[in-house]
Amino acid sequence: MKWSYWIYIAAGIALYIKVLVMPNPAPDFAQSIVEVIVQDSGVSNVVAGIIFRNRLYDTIFEVIVFTIAIMGAYYLLANEKPDRQVYQFTDQPSIVLARLGATIAALVGIELAIRGHLSPGGGFAAGVAGGTAIGLIAITASPEWMQAIYQRWQAATWEKISVLIFIVLSVITLAGVELPHGELGALFSGGVVPLLNLLVAIKVALGSWAVILVFIRYRGLL
């Protein structure tokens, strides 16, 4: 079978020579791809248009993978004993700085969730900012208090609801049904893209909250 290796090597060399000698010609588009995506999606943030419209099928599975990762964290740590003592920041300067950072991260997350289809950012970035805010609060607050708030507001239920609504809206969009795009650049524009952006932000933030609580319970904090 040694001859097969020589075939692979010859094919690789031929491909390399093809790239050097005969490069692919630049496509001659009468209109920029960015402009086409903006017109099709109705949002000025082209990245959001690609994620929540052109690559919506991939984004659905990204959300599902994130959900499975959260379930996996619960499953892997289910048989372990909770940490008896959780060490946290107790000095006042650290607490003030952490909570100030949490406030800033939360405001950034809200901004990205609401206006992610108009400016750089989006649902995933907004969710990460929200999870960062929750993590900063967690290192200065009681784990029992964090768990009580998580259960009181039924965050786990809202996380599941956001995933279900996201999947339903995505399926409807992939089927060809779209909401009016509205005026380009306005807050209420882009059809279903702002809704999908907001749902992803909620999902990622609440999922991050769940994972933080699990690791604090079984692994401690510091």
C-alpha atoms as a PDB file:
ATOM      1  CA  MET A   1       0.000   0.000   0.000  1.00  0.00           C
ATOM      2  CA  LYS A   2       3.049   2.250  -0.159  1.00  0.00           C
ATOM      3  CA  TRP A   3       2.013   3.504  -3.574  1.00  0.00           C
ATOM      4  CA  SER A   4      -1.109   5.071  -2.026  1.00  0.00           C
ATOM      5  CA  TYR A   5       1.046   7.368   0.096  1.00  0.00           C
ATOM      6  CA  TRP A   6       2.837   8.580  -3.043  1.00  0.00           C
ATOM      7  CA  ILE A   7      -0.553   9.338  -4.603  1.00  0.00           C
ATOM      8  CA  TYR A   8      -1.528  11.436  -1.583  1.00  0.00           C
ATOM      9  CA  ILE A   9       1.790  13.271  -1.687  1.00  0.00           C
ATOM     10  CA  ALA A  10       1.486  13.898  -5.433  1.00  0.00           C
ATOM     11  CA  ALA A  11      -2.091  15.165  -4.987  1.00  0.00           C
ATOM     12  CA  GLY A  12      -0.954  17.513  -2.244  1.00  0.00           C
ATOM     13  CA  ILE A  13       1.888  18.869  -4.360  1.00  0.00           C
ATOM     14  CA  ALA A  14      -0.456  19.332  -7.333  1.00  0.00           C
ATOM     15  CA  LEU A  15      -2.937  21.225  -5.168  1.00  0.00           C
ATOM     16  CA  TYR A  16      -0.165  23.442  -3.808  1.00  0.00           C
ATOM     17  CA  ILE A  17       1.070  24.225  -7.337  1.00  0.00           C
ATOM     18  CA  LYS A  18      -2.502  24.975  -8.402  1.00  0.00           C
ATOM     19  CA  VAL A  19      -2.855  27.515  -5.590  1.00  0.00           C
ATOM     20  CA  LEU A  20       0.410  29.195  -6.533  1.00  0.00           C
ATOM     21  CA  VAL A  21       0.038  29.186 -10.314  1.00  0.00           C
ATOM     22  CA  MET A  22      -3.731  29.465 -10.788  1.00  0.00           C
ATOM     23  CA  PRO A  23      -5.230  31.465  -7.893  1.00  0.00           C
ATOM     24  CA  ASN A  24      -8.997  31.758  -7.758  1.00  0.00           C
ATOM     25  CA  PRO A  25     -10.147  34.958  -9.480  1.00  0.00           C
ATOM     26  CA  ALA A  26     -11.811  37.526  -7.291  1.00  0.00           C
ATOM     27  CA  PRO A  27     -15.592  37.391  -7.737  1.00  0.00           C
ATOM     28  CA  ASP A  28     -17.059  40.344  -9.563  1.00  0.00           C
ATOM     29  CA  PHE A  29     -20.108  41.275  -7.563  1.00  0.00           C
ATOM     30  CA  ALA A  30     -22.231  44.162  -8.714  1.00  0.00           C
ATOM     31  CA  GLN A  31     -23.182  44.667  -5.065  1.00  0.00           C
ATOM     32  CA  SER A  32     -21.231  44.156  -1.864  1.00  0.00           C
ATOM     33  CA  ILE A  33     -22.000  41.012   0.140  1.00  0.00           C
ATOM     34  CA  VAL A  34     -22.362  43.177   3.235  1.00  0.00           C
ATOM     35  CA  GLU A  35     -25.002  45.284   1.533  1.00  0.00           C
ATOM     36  CA  VAL A  36     -26.878  42.169   0.426  1.00  0.00           C
ATOM     37  CA  ILE A  37     -26.916  40.775   3.980  1.00  0.00           C
ATOM     38  CA  VAL A  38     -28.105  44.105   5.366  1.00  0.00           C
ATOM     39  CA  GLN A  39     -30.956  44.227   2.841  1.00  0.00           C
ATOM     40  CA  ASP A  40     -31.970  40.600   3.451  1.00  0.00           C
ATOM     41  CA  SER A  41     -31.844  40.743   7.252  1.00  0.00           C
ATOM     42  CA  GLY A  42     -32.922  44.340   7.813  1.00  0.00           C
ATOM     43  CA  VAL A  43     -30.296  44.918  10.542  1.00  0.00           C
ATOM     44  CA  SER A  44     -27.254  47.160  10.407  1.00  0.00           C
ATOM     45  CA  ASN A  45     -25.111  44.702  12.385  1.00  0.00           C
ATOM     46  CA  VAL A  46     -24.113  42.284   9.632  1.00  0.00           C
ATOM     47  CA  VAL A  47     -22.739  39.725  12.107  1.00  0.00           C
ATOM     48  CA  ALA A  48     -26.113  39.515  13.844  1.00  0.00           C
ATOM     49  CA  GLY A  49     -27.786  39.150  10.460  1.00  0.00           C
ATOM     50  CA  ILE A  50     -25.529  36.232   9.592  1.00  0.00           C
ATOM     51  CA  ILE A  51     -25.897  34.471  12.956  1.00  0.00           C
ATOM     52  CA  PHE A  52     -29.654  34.842  13.292  1.00  0.00           C
ATOM     53  CA  ARG A  53     -30.637  34.549   9.646  1.00  0.00           C
ATOM     54  CA  ASN A  54     -28.050  33.272   7.175  1.00  0.00           C
ATOM     55  CA  ARG A  55     -26.609  30.766   9.663  1.00  0.00           C
ATOM     56  CA  LEU A  56     -29.662  30.333  11.839  1.00  0.00           C
ATOM     57  CA  TYR A  57     -29.554  26.555  11.416  1.00  0.00           C
ATOM     58  CA  ASP A  58     -26.082  26.487  12.993  1.00  0.00           C
ATOM     59  CA  THR A  59     -27.110  28.890  15.757  1.00  0.00           C
ATOM     60  CA  ILE A  60     -29.941  26.579  16.808  1.00  0.00           C
ATOM     61  CA  PHE A  61     -27.471  23.785  17.463  1.00  0.00           C
ATOM     62  CA  GLU A  62     -25.092  26.157  19.240  1.00  0.00           C
ATOM     63  CA  VAL A  63     -27.862  26.961  21.705  1.00  0.00           C
ATOM     64  CA  ILE A  64     -28.662  23.261  22.077  1.00  0.00           C
ATOM     65  CA  VAL A  65     -24.988  22.429  22.689  1.00  0.00           C
ATOM     66  CA  PHE A  66     -24.832  25.077  25.416  1.00  0.00           C
ATOM     67  CA  THR A  67     -27.924  23.558  27.017  1.00  0.00           C
ATOM     68  CA  ILE A  68     -26.388  20.077  26.918  1.00  0.00           C
ATOM     69  CA  ALA A  69     -23.207  21.448  28.506  1.00  0.00           C
ATOM     70  CA  ILE A  70     -25.217  22.790  31.446  1.00  0.00           C
ATOM     71  CA  MET A  71     -26.995  19.454  31.845  1.00  0.00           C
ATOM     72  CA  GLY A  72     -23.609  17.714  31.704  1.00  0.00           C
ATOM     73  CA  ALA A  73     -22.278  19.853  34.561  1.00  0.00           C
ATOM     74  CA  TYR A  74     -25.266  18.812  36.688  1.00  0.00           C
ATOM     75  CA  TYR A  75     -24.798  15.149  35.731  1.00  0.00           C
ATOM     76  CA  LEU A  76     -21.051  14.966  36.360  1.00  0.00           C
ATOM     77  CA  LEU A  77     -21.259  16.638  39.775  1.00  0.00           C
ATOM     78  CA  ALA A  78     -24.458  14.935  40.941  1.00  0.00           C
ATOM     79  CA  ASN A  79     -22.668  12.183  42.889  1.00  0.00           C
ATOM     80  CA  GLU A  80     -20.151  14.441  44.603  1.00  0.00           C
ATOM     81  CA  LYS A  81     -20.477  15.862  48.081  1.00  0.00           C
ATOM     82  CA  PRO A  82     -21.156  19.586  48.350  1.00  0.00           C
ATOM     83  CA  ASP A  83     -18.296  21.693  49.612  1.00  0.00           C
ATOM     84  CA  ARG A  84     -18.729  22.298  53.337  1.00  0.00           C
ATOM     85  CA  GLN A  85     -17.174  25.742  53.377  1.00  0.00           C
ATOM     86  CA  VAL A  86     -17.089  28.357  50.655  1.00  0.00           C
ATOM     87  CA  TYR A  87     -14.407  31.014  50.971  1.00  0.00           C
ATOM     88  CA  GLN A  88     -15.348  34.436  49.651  1.00  0.00           C
ATOM     89  CA  PHE A  89     -14.058  37.969  49.526  1.00  0.00           C
ATOM     90  CA  THR A  90     -14.655  39.609  52.873  1.00  0.00           C
ATOM     91  CA  ASP A  91     -12.636  42.829  52.629  1.00  0.00           C
ATOM     92  CA  GLN A  92     -14.718  45.852  51.791  1.00  0.00           C
ATOM     93  CA  PRO A  93     -12.601  47.196  48.864  1.00  0.00           C
ATOM     94  CA  SER A  94     -12.854  43.866  47.002  1.00  0.00           C
ATOM     95  CA  ILE A  95     -16.592  43.694  47.612  1.00  0.00           C
ATOM     96  CA  VAL A  96     -17.137  47.244  46.336  1.00  0.00           C
ATOM     97  CA  LEU A  97     -14.999  46.678  43.233  1.00  0.00           C
ATOM     98  CA  ALA A  98     -16.655  43.332  42.446  1.00  0.00           C
ATOM     99  CA  ARG A  99     -20.149  44.742  42.743  1.00  0.00           C
ATOM    100  CA  LEU A 100     -19.214  47.838  40.741  1.00  0.00           C
ATOM    101  CA  GLY A 101     -17.863  45.551  38.034  1.00  0.00           C
ATOM    102  CA  ALA A 102     -21.055  43.486  38.215  1.00  0.00           C
ATOM    103  CA  THR A 103     -23.161  46.599  37.709  1.00  0.00           C
ATOM    104  CA  ILE A 104     -21.132  47.653  34.686  1.00  0.00           C
ATOM    105  CA  ALA A 105     -21.216  44.128  33.202  1.00  0.00           C
ATOM    106  CA  ALA A 106     -24.984  43.914  33.740  1.00  0.00           C
ATOM    107  CA  LEU A 107     -25.562  47.259  32.001  1.00  0.00           C
ATOM    108  CA  VAL A 108     -23.354  46.182  29.102  1.00  0.00           C
ATOM    109  CA  GLY A 109     -25.291  42.906  28.862  1.00  0.00           C
ATOM    110  CA  ILE A 110     -28.635  44.706  28.768  1.00  0.00           C
ATOM    111  CA  GLU A 111     -27.351  47.103  26.097  1.00  0.00           C
ATOM    112  CA  LEU A 112     -26.058  44.252  23.931  1.00  0.00           C
ATOM    113  CA  ALA A 113     -29.268  42.274  24.363  1.00  0.00           C
ATOM    114  CA  ILE A 114     -31.493  45.187  23.319  1.00  0.00           C
ATOM    115  CA  ARG A 115     -29.304  46.792  20.641  1.00  0.00           C
ATOM    116  CA  GLY A 116     -27.139  43.877  19.546  1.00  0.00           C
ATOM    117  CA  HIS A 117     -28.708  43.920  16.084  1.00  0.00           C
ATOM    118  CA  LEU A 118     -27.687  47.559  15.591  1.00  0.00           C
ATOM    119  CA  SER A 119     -24.144  47.670  16.965  1.00  0.00           C
ATOM    120  CA  PRO A 120     -21.234  45.271  17.575  1.00  0.00           C
ATOM    121  CA  GLY A 121     -22.236  42.543  19.987  1.00  0.00           C
ATOM    122  CA  GLY A 122     -25.164  40.197  20.173  1.00  0.00           C
ATOM    123  CA  GLY A 123     -27.012  37.660  22.239  1.00  0.00           C
ATOM    124  CA  PHE A 124     -24.027  35.482  23.097  1.00  0.00           C
ATOM    125  CA  ALA A 125     -21.910  38.456  24.129  1.00  0.00           C
ATOM    126  CA  ALA A 126     -24.820  39.848  26.143  1.00  0.00           C
ATOM    127  CA  GLY A 127     -25.270  36.512  27.917  1.00  0.00           C
ATOM    128  CA  VAL A 128     -21.569  36.331  28.741  1.00  0.00           C
ATOM    129  CA  ALA A 129     -21.707  39.865  30.169  1.00  0.00           C
ATOM    130  CA  GLY A 130     -24.723  38.882  32.264  1.00  0.00           C
ATOM    131  CA  GLY A 131     -22.986  35.718  33.460  1.00  0.00           C
ATOM    132  CA  THR A 132     -19.925  37.781  34.381  1.00  0.00           C
ATOM    133  CA  ALA A 133     -22.100  40.092  36.475  1.00  0.00           C
ATOM    134  CA  ILE A 134     -23.621  37.094  38.260  1.00  0.00           C
ATOM    135  CA  GLY A 135     -20.173  35.599  38.870  1.00  0.00           C
ATOM    136  CA  LEU A 136     -18.886  38.841  40.384  1.00  0.00           C
ATOM    137  CA  ILE A 137     -21.867  38.949  42.733  1.00  0.00           C
ATOM    138  CA  ALA A 138     -21.322  35.287  43.629  1.00  0.00           C
ATOM    139  CA  ILE A 139     -17.803  35.894  44.946  1.00  0.00           C
ATOM    140  CA  THR A 140     -19.095  38.473  47.415  1.00  0.00           C
ATOM    141  CA  ALA A 141     -22.509  37.061  48.407  1.00  0.00           C
ATOM    142  CA  SER A 142     -23.742  34.024  50.288  1.00  0.00           C
ATOM    143  CA  PRO A 143     -24.267  30.889  48.138  1.00  0.00           C
ATOM    144  CA  GLU A 144     -27.542  30.246  49.942  1.00  0.00           C
ATOM    145  CA  TRP A 145     -28.729  33.751  49.068  1.00  0.00           C
ATOM    146  CA  MET A 146     -27.800  33.261  45.408  1.00  0.00           C
ATOM    147  CA  GLN A 147     -29.562  29.896  45.326  1.00  0.00           C
ATOM    148  CA  ALA A 148     -32.661  31.354  46.996  1.00  0.00           C
ATOM    149  CA  ILE A 149     -32.917  34.121  44.384  1.00  0.00           C
ATOM    150  CA  TYR A 150     -32.372  31.590  41.586  1.00  0.00           C
ATOM    151  CA  GLN A 151     -35.259  29.484  42.855  1.00  0.00           C
ATOM    152  CA  ARG A 152     -37.520  32.419  43.763  1.00  0.00           C
ATOM    153  CA  TRP A 153     -37.408  33.848  40.254  1.00  0.00           C
ATOM    154  CA  GLN A 154     -37.612  30.356  38.722  1.00  0.00           C
ATOM    155  CA  ALA A 155     -34.566  31.030  36.583  1.00  0.00           C
ATOM    156  CA  ALA A 156     -34.305  27.388  35.488  1.00  0.00           C
ATOM    157  CA  THR A 157     -37.853  27.486  34.125  1.00  0.00           C
ATOM    158  CA  TRP A 158     -37.266  30.735  32.256  1.00  0.00           C
ATOM    159  CA  GLU A 159     -34.079  29.311  30.784  1.00  0.00           C
ATOM    160  CA  LYS A 160     -35.989  26.349  29.352  1.00  0.00           C
ATOM    161  CA  ILE A 161     -38.780  28.604  28.095  1.00  0.00           C
ATOM    162  CA  SER A 162     -36.294  30.865  26.307  1.00  0.00           C
ATOM    163  CA  VAL A 163     -34.776  27.849  24.527  1.00  0.00           C
ATOM    164  CA  LEU A 164     -38.179  26.550  23.433  1.00  0.00           C
ATOM    165  CA  ILE A 165     -39.304  29.955  22.145  1.00  0.00           C
ATOM    166  CA  PHE A 166     -35.983  30.374  20.327  1.00  0.00           C
ATOM    167  CA  ILE A 167     -36.365  27.016  18.589  1.00  0.00           C
ATOM    168  CA  VAL A 168     -39.991  27.716  17.621  1.00  0.00           C
ATOM    169  CA  LEU A 169     -39.178  31.154  16.191  1.00  0.00           C
ATOM    170  CA  SER A 170     -36.162  29.715  14.384  1.00  0.00           C
ATOM    171  CA  VAL A 171     -38.208  26.960  12.775  1.00  0.00           C
ATOM    172  CA  ILE A 172     -40.828  29.493  11.676  1.00  0.00           C
ATOM    173  CA  THR A 173     -38.111  31.719  10.219  1.00  0.00           C
ATOM    174  CA  LEU A 174     -36.426  28.823   8.425  1.00  0.00           C
ATOM    175  CA  ALA A 175     -39.820  27.919   6.964  1.00  0.00           C
ATOM    176  CA  GLY A 176     -39.850  31.299   5.205  1.00  0.00           C
ATOM    177  CA  VAL A 177     -42.161  33.273   7.491  1.00  0.00           C
ATOM    178  CA  GLU A 178     -40.620  36.614   8.468  1.00  0.00           C
ATOM    179  CA  LEU A 179     -41.752  39.642  10.426  1.00  0.00           C
ATOM    180  CA  PRO A 180     -41.611  43.101   8.822  1.00  0.00           C
ATOM    181  CA  HIS A 181     -38.072  44.454   8.818  1.00  0.00           C
ATOM    182  CA  GLY A 182     -39.075  47.989   9.692  1.00  0.00           C
ATOM    183  CA  GLU A 183     -36.763  50.960   9.203  1.00  0.00           C
ATOM    184  CA  LEU A 184     -33.081  50.070   8.936  1.00  0.00           C
ATOM    185  CA  GLY A 185     -31.174  51.282  11.999  1.00  0.00           C
ATOM    186  CA  ALA A 186     -34.259  51.674  14.199  1.00  0.00           C
ATOM    187  CA  LEU A 187     -34.583  49.800  17.488  1.00  0.00           C
ATOM    188  CA  PHE A 188     -37.588  47.844  16.233  1.00  0.00           C
ATOM    189  CA  SER A 189     -36.102  46.619  12.983  1.00  0.00           C
ATOM    190  CA  GLY A 190     -34.772  43.404  11.559  1.00  0.00           C
ATOM    191  CA  GLY A 191     -37.919  41.338  11.953  1.00  0.00           C
ATOM    192  CA  VAL A 192     -37.302  38.357  14.227  1.00  0.00           C
ATOM    193  CA  VAL A 193     -33.554  39.004  14.652  1.00  0.00           C
ATOM    194  CA  PRO A 194     -33.889  41.258  17.763  1.00  0.00           C
ATOM    195  CA  LEU A 195     -36.153  38.668  19.431  1.00  0.00           C
ATOM    196  CA  LEU A 196     -33.704  35.852  18.754  1.00  0.00           C
ATOM    197  CA  ASN A 197     -30.884  38.064  19.999  1.00  0.00           C
ATOM    198  CA  LEU A 198     -32.726  38.741  23.264  1.00  0.00           C
ATOM    199  CA  LEU A 199     -33.648  35.077  23.772  1.00  0.00           C
ATOM    200  CA  VAL A 200     -30.048  33.963  23.330  1.00  0.00           C
ATOM    201  CA  ALA A 201     -28.915  36.597  25.841  1.00  0.00           C
ATOM    202  CA  ILE A 202     -31.444  35.352  28.409  1.00  0.00           C
ATOM    203  CA  LYS A 203     -30.500  31.729  27.784  1.00  0.00           C
ATOM    204  CA  VAL A 204     -26.746  32.261  28.115  1.00  0.00           C
ATOM    205  CA  ALA A 205     -27.040  34.492  31.196  1.00  0.00           C
ATOM    206  CA  LEU A 206     -29.388  32.135  33.075  1.00  0.00           C
ATOM    207  CA  GLY A 207     -27.382  29.099  31.971  1.00  0.00           C
ATOM    208  CA  SER A 208     -24.196  30.724  33.261  1.00  0.00           C
ATOM    209  CA  TRP A 209     -25.977  31.418  36.544  1.00  0.00           C
ATOM    210  CA  ALA A 210     -26.922  27.741  36.863  1.00  0.00           C
ATOM    211  CA  VAL A 211     -23.364  26.564  36.155  1.00  0.00           C
ATOM    212  CA  ILE A 212     -21.897  29.074  38.632  1.00  0.00           C
ATOM    213  CA  LEU A 213     -24.218  27.832  41.391  1.00  0.00           C
ATOM    214  CA  VAL A 214     -23.361  24.196  40.648  1.00  0.00           C
ATOM    215  CA  PHE A 215     -19.604  24.739  40.768  1.00  0.00           C
ATOM    216  CA  ILE A 216     -19.846  26.865  43.895  1.00  0.00           C
ATOM    217  CA  ARG A 217     -21.850  24.132  45.605  1.00  0.00           C
ATOM    218  CA  TYR A 218     -19.554  21.249  44.688  1.00  0.00           C
ATOM    219  CA  ARG A 219     -16.200  22.905  44.069  1.00  0.00           C
ATOM    220  CA  GLY A 220     -16.240  25.963  46.285  1.00  0.00           C
ATOM    221  CA  LEU A 221     -15.469  29.453  45.086  1.00  0.00           C
ATOM    222  CA  LEU A 222     -11.894  30.415  45.934  1.00  0.00           C
END
